[in-house]
PDB file of N, CA and C in Angstrom:
ATOM      1  N   TRP A   1     -38.639  27.870  64.652  1.00  0.00           N
ATOM      2  CA  TRP A   1     -37.847  26.700  64.314  1.00  0.00           C
ATOM      3  C   TRP A   1     -36.591  26.638  65.173  1.00  0.00           C
ATOM      4  N   ALA A   2     -35.842  27.718  65.179  1.00  0.00           N
ATOM      5  CA  ALA A   2     -34.561  27.709  65.886  1.00  0.00           C
ATOM      6  C   ALA A   2     -34.761  27.535  67.382  1.00  0.00           C
ATOM      7  N   ARG A   3     -35.862  28.024  67.894  1.00  0.00           N
ATOM      8  CA  ARG A   3     -36.115  27.935  69.333  1.00  0.00           C
ATOM      9  C   ARG A   3     -36.277  26.484  69.784  1.00  0.00           C
ATOM     10  N   TYR A   4     -36.864  25.666  68.958  1.00  0.00           N
ATOM     11  CA  TYR A   4     -37.113  24.276  69.334  1.00  0.00           C
ATOM     12  C   TYR A   4     -36.037  23.312  68.860  1.00  0.00           C
ATOM     13  N   PHE A   5     -35.397  23.607  67.742  1.00  0.00           N
ATOM     14  CA  PHE A   5     -34.455  22.655  67.173  1.00  0.00           C
ATOM     15  C   PHE A   5     -33.013  23.124  67.199  1.00  0.00           C
ATOM     16  N   GLY A   6     -32.771  24.373  67.549  1.00  0.00           N
ATOM     17  CA  GLY A   6     -31.410  24.894  67.536  1.00  0.00           C
ATOM     18  C   GLY A   6     -31.055  25.456  66.170  1.00  0.00           C
ATOM     19  N   ARG A   7     -29.930  26.161  66.123  1.00  0.00           N
ATOM     20  CA  ARG A   7     -29.544  26.822  64.879  1.00  0.00           C
ATOM     21  C   ARG A   7     -28.567  26.013  64.036  1.00  0.00           C
ATOM     22  N   GLU A   8     -28.008  24.967  64.596  1.00  0.00           N
ATOM     23  CA  GLU A   8     -26.954  24.238  63.890  1.00  0.00           C
ATOM     24  C   GLU A   8     -27.440  23.634  62.568  1.00  0.00           C
ATOM     25  N   HIS A   9     -28.592  23.010  62.586  1.00  0.00           N
ATOM     26  CA  HIS A   9     -29.119  22.340  61.388  1.00  0.00           C
ATOM     27  C   HIS A   9     -30.432  22.973  60.941  1.00  0.00           C
ATOM     28  N   LEU A  10     -30.565  24.267  61.150  1.00  0.00           N
ATOM     29  CA  LEU A  10     -31.828  24.950  60.888  1.00  0.00           C
ATOM     30  C   LEU A  10     -32.251  24.850  59.426  1.00  0.00           C
ATOM     31  N   GLY A  11     -31.323  24.992  58.493  1.00  0.00           N
ATOM     32  CA  GLY A  11     -31.661  24.914  57.070  1.00  0.00           C
ATOM     33  C   GLY A  11     -32.208  23.553  56.689  1.00  0.00           C
ATOM     34  N   SER A  12     -31.598  22.500  57.196  1.00  0.00           N
ATOM     35  CA  SER A  12     -32.074  21.144  56.893  1.00  0.00           C
ATOM     36  C   SER A  12     -33.460  20.912  57.471  1.00  0.00           C
ATOM     37  N   ILE A  13     -33.667  21.378  58.680  1.00  0.00           N
ATOM     38  CA  ILE A  13     -34.958  21.174  59.335  1.00  0.00           C
ATOM     39  C   ILE A  13     -36.050  21.948  58.612  1.00  0.00           C
ATOM     40  N   GLN A  14     -35.773  23.185  58.223  1.00  0.00           N
ATOM     41  CA  GLN A  14     -36.763  23.956  57.483  1.00  0.00           C
ATOM     42  C   GLN A  14     -37.021  23.344  56.104  1.00  0.00           C
ATOM     43  N   GLY A  15     -35.999  22.788  55.488  1.00  0.00           N
ATOM     44  CA  GLY A  15     -36.172  22.124  54.200  1.00  0.00           C
ATOM     45  C   GLY A  15     -37.106  20.935  54.293  1.00  0.00           C
ATOM     46  N   VAL A  16     -36.967  20.154  55.350  1.00  0.00           N
ATOM     47  CA  VAL A  16     -37.864  19.012  55.552  1.00  0.00           C
ATOM     48  C   VAL A  16     -39.289  19.508  55.775  1.00  0.00           C
ATOM     49  N   GLY A  17     -39.435  20.553  56.582  1.00  0.00           N
ATOM     50  CA  GLY A  17     -40.765  21.107  56.831  1.00  0.00           C
ATOM     51  C   GLY A  17     -41.427  21.618  55.564  1.00  0.00           C
ATOM     52  N   GLN A  18     -40.665  22.294  54.720  1.00  0.00           N
ATOM     53  CA  GLN A  18     -41.222  22.799  53.472  1.00  0.00           C
ATOM     54  C   GLN A  18     -41.547  21.665  52.503  1.00  0.00           C
ATOM     55  N   THR A  19     -40.724  20.631  52.506  1.00  0.00           N
ATOM     56  CA  THR A  19     -41.004  19.471  51.654  1.00  0.00           C
ATOM     57  C   THR A  19     -42.316  18.812  52.057  1.00  0.00           C
ATOM     58  N   ILE A  20     -42.534  18.673  53.348  1.00  0.00           N
ATOM     59  CA  ILE A  20     -43.790  18.099  53.832  1.00  0.00           C
ATOM     60  C   ILE A  20     -44.966  18.962  53.393  1.00  0.00           C
ATOM     61  N   GLY A  21     -44.810  20.280  53.455  1.00  0.00           N
ATOM     62  CA  GLY A  21     -45.871  21.179  53.019  1.00  0.00           C
ATOM     63  C   GLY A  21     -46.179  21.057  51.539  1.00  0.00           C
ATOM     64  N   VAL A  22     -45.138  20.952  50.717  1.00  0.00           N
ATOM     65  CA  VAL A  22     -45.336  20.829  49.269  1.00  0.00           C
ATOM     66  C   VAL A  22     -45.992  19.495  48.928  1.00  0.00           C
ATOM     67  N   VAL A  23     -45.551  18.422  49.569  1.00  0.00           N
ATOM     68  CA  VAL A  23     -46.161  17.110  49.322  1.00  0.00           C
ATOM     69  C   VAL A  23     -47.631  17.135  49.739  1.00  0.00           C
ATOM     70  N   GLY A  24     -47.912  17.732  50.892  1.00  0.00           N
ATOM     71  CA  GLY A  24     -49.302  17.834  51.333  1.00  0.00           C
ATOM     72  C   GLY A  24     -50.164  18.627  50.369  1.00  0.00           C
ATOM     73  N   ALA A  25     -49.603  19.716  49.839  1.00  0.00           N
ATOM     74  CA  ALA A  25     -50.357  20.541  48.894  1.00  0.00           C
ATOM     75  C   ALA A  25     -50.586  19.820  47.570  1.00  0.00           C
ATOM     76  N   SER A  26     -49.651  18.974  47.175  1.00  0.00           N
ATOM     77  CA  SER A  26     -49.816  18.271  45.903  1.00  0.00           C
ATOM     78  C   SER A  26     -50.702  17.039  46.033  1.00  0.00           C
ATOM     79  N   VAL A  27     -50.726  16.413  47.187  1.00  0.00           N
ATOM     80  CA  VAL A  27     -51.536  15.210  47.389  1.00  0.00           C
ATOM     81  C   VAL A  27     -52.939  15.566  47.894  1.00  0.00           C
ATOM     82  N   GLY A  28     -53.097  16.731  48.485  1.00  0.00           N
ATOM     83  CA  GLY A  28     -54.365  17.137  49.086  1.00  0.00           C
ATOM     84  C   GLY A  28     -55.576  17.084  48.182  1.00  0.00           C
ATOM     85  N   PRO A  29     -55.473  17.458  46.918  1.00  0.00           N
ATOM     86  CA  PRO A  29     -56.662  17.409  46.055  1.00  0.00           C
ATOM     87  C   PRO A  29     -57.218  16.001  45.830  1.00  0.00           C
ATOM     88  N   ILE A  30     -56.413  14.989  46.004  1.00  0.00           N
ATOM     89  CA  ILE A  30     -56.879  13.613  45.761  1.00  0.00           C
ATOM     90  C   ILE A  30     -58.003  13.227  46.722  1.00  0.00           C
ATOM     91  N   PRO A  31     -57.812  13.365  48.058  1.00  0.00           N
ATOM     92  CA  PRO A  31     -58.933  13.016  48.943  1.00  0.00           C
ATOM     93  C   PRO A  31     -60.156  13.913  48.736  1.00  0.00           C
ATOM     94  N   LEU A  32     -59.929  15.172  48.361  1.00  0.00           N
ATOM     95  CA  LEU A  32     -61.080  16.042  48.092  1.00  0.00           C
ATOM     96  C   LEU A  32     -61.852  15.559  46.865  1.00  0.00           C
ATOM     97  N   GLY A  33     -61.141  15.126  45.845  1.00  0.00           N
ATOM     98  CA  GLY A  33     -61.808  14.590  44.664  1.00  0.00           C
ATOM     99  C   GLY A  33     -62.565  13.312  44.965  1.00  0.00           C
ATOM    100  N   ILE A  34     -61.959  12.454  45.762  1.00  0.00           N
ATOM    101  CA  ILE A  34     -62.633  11.207  46.153  1.00  0.00           C
ATOM    102  C   ILE A  34     -63.881  11.520  46.968  1.00  0.00           C
ATOM    103  N   ALA A  35     -63.767  12.474  47.896  1.00  0.00           N
ATOM    104  CA  ALA A  35     -64.928  12.854  48.706  1.00  0.00           C
ATOM    105  C   ALA A  35     -66.040  13.422  47.826  1.00  0.00           C
ATOM    106  N   GLU A  36     -65.675  14.205  46.826  1.00  0.00           N
ATOM    107  CA  GLU A  36     -66.687  14.773  45.927  1.00  0.00           C
ATOM    108  C   GLU A  36     -67.385  13.672  45.137  1.00  0.00           C
ATOM    109  N   ASP A  37     -66.613  12.673  44.705  1.00  0.00           N
ATOM    110  CA  ASP A  37     -67.203  11.558  43.959  1.00  0.00           C
ATOM    111  C   ASP A  37     -68.180  10.760  44.815  1.00  0.00           C
ATOM    112  N   PHE A  38     -67.788  10.456  46.055  1.00  0.00           N
ATOM    113  CA  PHE A  38     -68.610   9.594  46.899  1.00  0.00           C
ATOM    114  C   PHE A  38     -69.717  10.346  47.627  1.00  0.00           C
ATOM    115  N   LEU A  39     -69.467  11.598  47.993  1.00  0.00           N
ATOM    116  CA  LEU A  39     -70.439  12.339  48.790  1.00  0.00           C
ATOM    117  C   LEU A  39     -71.245  13.342  47.971  1.00  0.00           C
ATOM    118  N   GLY A  40     -70.851  13.559  46.732  1.00  0.00           N
ATOM    119  CA  GLY A  40     -71.593  14.468  45.877  1.00  0.00           C
ATOM    120  C   GLY A  40     -71.285  15.939  46.094  1.00  0.00           C
ATOM    121  N   GLY A  41     -70.282  16.232  46.860  1.00  0.00           N
ATOM    122  CA  GLY A  41     -69.912  17.632  47.089  1.00  0.00           C
ATOM    123  C   GLY A  41     -68.671  17.724  47.960  1.00  0.00           C
ATOM    124  N   PHE A  42     -68.217  18.943  48.123  1.00  0.00           N
ATOM    125  CA  PHE A  42     -66.993  19.171  48.888  1.00  0.00           C
ATOM    126  C   PHE A  42     -67.253  19.576  50.340  1.00  0.00           C
ATOM    127  N   ASP A  43     -68.508  19.791  50.705  1.00  0.00           N
ATOM    128  CA  ASP A  43     -68.816  20.368  52.014  1.00  0.00           C
ATOM    129  C   ASP A  43     -68.260  19.558  53.181  1.00  0.00           C
ATOM    130  N   ALA A  44     -68.509  18.255  53.204  1.00  0.00           N
ATOM    131  CA  ALA A  44     -68.058  17.430  54.328  1.00  0.00           C
ATOM    132  C   ALA A  44     -66.538  17.406  54.417  1.00  0.00           C
ATOM    133  N   ALA A  45     -65.868  17.254  53.292  1.00  0.00           N
ATOM    134  CA  ALA A  45     -64.406  17.200  53.294  1.00  0.00           C
ATOM    135  C   ALA A  45     -63.811  18.535  53.718  1.00  0.00           C
ATOM    136  N   LEU A  46     -64.369  19.638  53.245  1.00  0.00           N
ATOM    137  CA  LEU A  46     -63.845  20.950  53.613  1.00  0.00           C
ATOM    138  C   LEU A  46     -64.099  21.267  55.083  1.00  0.00           C
ATOM    139  N   ASN A  47     -65.240  20.823  55.610  1.00  0.00           N
ATOM    140  CA  ASN A  47     -65.491  21.008  57.043  1.00  0.00           C
ATOM    141  C   ASN A  47     -64.483  20.228  57.875  1.00  0.00           C
ATOM    142  N   LEU A  48     -64.167  19.024  57.448  1.00  0.00           N
ATOM    143  CA  LEU A  48     -63.164  18.231  58.150  1.00  0.00           C
ATOM    144  C   LEU A  48     -61.795  18.895  58.064  1.00  0.00           C
ATOM    145  N   LEU A  49     -61.438  19.385  56.886  1.00  0.00           N
ATOM    146  CA  LEU A  49     -60.149  20.057  56.721  1.00  0.00           C
ATOM    147  C   LEU A  49     -60.081  21.354  57.517  1.00  0.00           C
ATOM    148  N   ALA A  50     -61.200  22.012  57.722  1.00  0.00           N
ATOM    149  CA  ALA A  50     -61.217  23.245  58.505  1.00  0.00           C
ATOM    150  C   ALA A  50     -60.910  22.980  59.973  1.00  0.00           C
ATOM    151  N   LEU A  51     -61.179  21.774  60.439  1.00  0.00           N
ATOM    152  CA  LEU A  51     -60.883  21.427  61.832  1.00  0.00           C
ATOM    153  C   LEU A  51     -59.392  21.197  62.076  1.00  0.00           C
ATOM    154  N   MET A  52     -58.663  20.838  61.046  1.00  0.00           N
ATOM    155  CA  MET A  52     -57.247  20.501  61.225  1.00  0.00           C
ATOM    156  C   MET A  52     -56.416  21.666  61.764  1.00  0.00           C
ATOM    157  N   PRO A  53     -56.516  22.885  61.236  1.00  0.00           N
ATOM    158  CA  PRO A  53     -55.728  23.978  61.815  1.00  0.00           C
ATOM    159  C   PRO A  53     -56.112  24.282  63.263  1.00  0.00           C
ATOM    160  N   ILE A  54     -57.379  24.069  63.598  1.00  0.00           N
ATOM    161  CA  ILE A  54     -57.813  24.292  64.975  1.00  0.00           C
ATOM    162  C   ILE A  54     -57.148  23.281  65.896  1.00  0.00           C
ATOM    163  N   MET A  55     -57.115  22.010  65.486  1.00  0.00           N
ATOM    164  CA  MET A  55     -56.466  20.976  66.299  1.00  0.00           C
ATOM    165  C   MET A  55     -54.971  21.234  66.416  1.00  0.00           C
ATOM    166  N   VAL A  56     -54.334  21.645  65.328  1.00  0.00           N
ATOM    167  CA  VAL A  56     -52.901  21.956  65.366  1.00  0.00           C
ATOM    168  C   VAL A  56     -52.650  23.144  66.285  1.00  0.00           C
ATOM    169  N   GLY A  57     -53.518  24.137  66.240  1.00  0.00           N
ATOM    170  CA  GLY A  57     -53.369  25.299  67.115  1.00  0.00           C
ATOM    171  C   GLY A  57     -53.428  24.915  68.581  1.00  0.00           C
ATOM    172  N   PHE A  58     -54.375  24.075  68.956  1.00  0.00           N
ATOM    173  CA  PHE A  58     -54.449  23.617  70.344  1.00  0.00           C
ATOM    174  C   PHE A  58     -53.211  22.812  70.726  1.00  0.00           C
ATOM    175  N   THR A  59     -52.723  22.004  69.810  1.00  0.00           N
ATOM    176  CA  THR A  59     -51.506  21.232  70.077  1.00  0.00           C
ATOM    177  C   THR A  59     -50.323  22.162  70.305  1.00  0.00           C
ATOM    178  N   LEU A  60     -50.190  23.195  69.488  1.00  0.00           N
ATOM    179  CA  LEU A  60     -49.090  24.146  69.652  1.00  0.00           C
ATOM    180  C   LEU A  60     -49.185  24.896  70.970  1.00  0.00           C
ATOM    181  N   LEU A  61     -50.395  25.189  71.409  1.00  0.00           N
ATOM    182  CA  LEU A  61     -50.561  25.869  72.694  1.00  0.00           C
ATOM    183  C   LEU A  61     -50.113  24.999  73.860  1.00  0.00           C
ATOM    184  N   MET A  62     -50.180  23.685  73.699  1.00  0.00           N
ATOM    185  CA  MET A  62     -49.793  22.776  74.776  1.00  0.00           C
ATOM    186  C   MET A  62     -48.296  22.491  74.816  1.00  0.00           C
ATOM    187  N   LEU A  63     -47.555  22.887  73.787  1.00  0.00           N
ATOM    188  CA  LEU A  63     -46.113  22.656  73.781  1.00  0.00           C
ATOM    189  C   LEU A  63     -45.435  23.518  74.829  1.00  0.00           C
ATOM    190  N   SER A  64     -44.491  22.930  75.510  1.00  0.00           N
ATOM    191  CA  SER A  64     -43.723  23.710  76.481  1.00  0.00           C
ATOM    192  C   SER A  64     -42.446  24.211  75.820  1.00  0.00           C
ATOM    193  N   ASP A  65     -41.881  25.262  76.388  1.00  0.00           N
ATOM    194  CA  ASP A  65     -40.622  25.779  75.864  1.00  0.00           C
ATOM    195  C   ASP A  65     -39.522  24.748  76.074  1.00  0.00           C
ATOM    196  N   PRO A  66     -38.596  24.660  75.143  1.00  0.00           N
ATOM    197  CA  PRO A  66     -37.513  23.684  75.288  1.00  0.00           C
ATOM    198  C   PRO A  66     -36.608  24.042  76.462  1.00  0.00           C
ATOM    199  N   LYS A  67     -36.054  23.013  77.068  1.00  0.00           N
ATOM    200  CA  LYS A  67     -35.108  23.213  78.170  1.00  0.00           C
ATOM    201  C   LYS A  67     -33.777  23.646  77.590  1.00  0.00           C
ATOM    202  N   ARG A  68     -33.215  24.674  78.157  1.00  0.00           N
ATOM    203  CA  ARG A  68     -31.935  25.198  77.680  1.00  0.00           C
ATOM    204  C   ARG A  68     -30.815  24.704  78.579  1.00  0.00           C
ATOM    205  N   LYS A  69     -29.705  24.351  77.946  1.00  0.00           N
ATOM    206  CA  LYS A  69     -28.520  23.974  78.706  1.00  0.00           C
ATOM    207  C   LYS A  69     -27.809  25.241  79.158  1.00  0.00           C
ATOM    208  N   SER A  70     -27.277  25.202  80.335  1.00  0.00           N
ATOM    209  CA  SER A  70     -26.517  26.343  80.829  1.00  0.00           C
ATOM    210  C   SER A  70     -25.164  26.383  80.128  1.00  0.00           C
ATOM    211  N   THR A  71     -24.777  27.559  79.654  1.00  0.00           N
ATOM    212  CA  THR A  71     -23.493  27.696  78.969  1.00  0.00           C
ATOM    213  C   THR A  71     -22.406  28.203  79.899  1.00  0.00           C
ATOM    214  N   ILE A  72     -22.734  28.354  81.144  1.00  0.00           N
ATOM    215  CA  ILE A  72     -21.744  28.854  82.112  1.00  0.00           C
ATOM    216  C   ILE A  72     -21.044  27.701  82.794  1.00  0.00           C
TER     217      ILE A  72
END
C-alpha cells in the first residue's frame, strides 16, 4: 500500500480497501444464490469466481513500480 500510495494517508487508503472487501464479502452470496436458482447448482458461478484472482494476479504483475521524486 505505502509503496504505491505513500505513507501520508495510508490509514484512509487501507480503510477504503477494507471497506470494499467487506462489502464484496457481504454482497457476494447474492449472485451465487441467483446462479444456483437459475443454473441448478453452484459449479458455473464458482468456476467464474475462481478466474477472478487469476485475472487480478496477471494485472498486478503488469503494474510498474511508482516513479519516485528525488528528495535531493
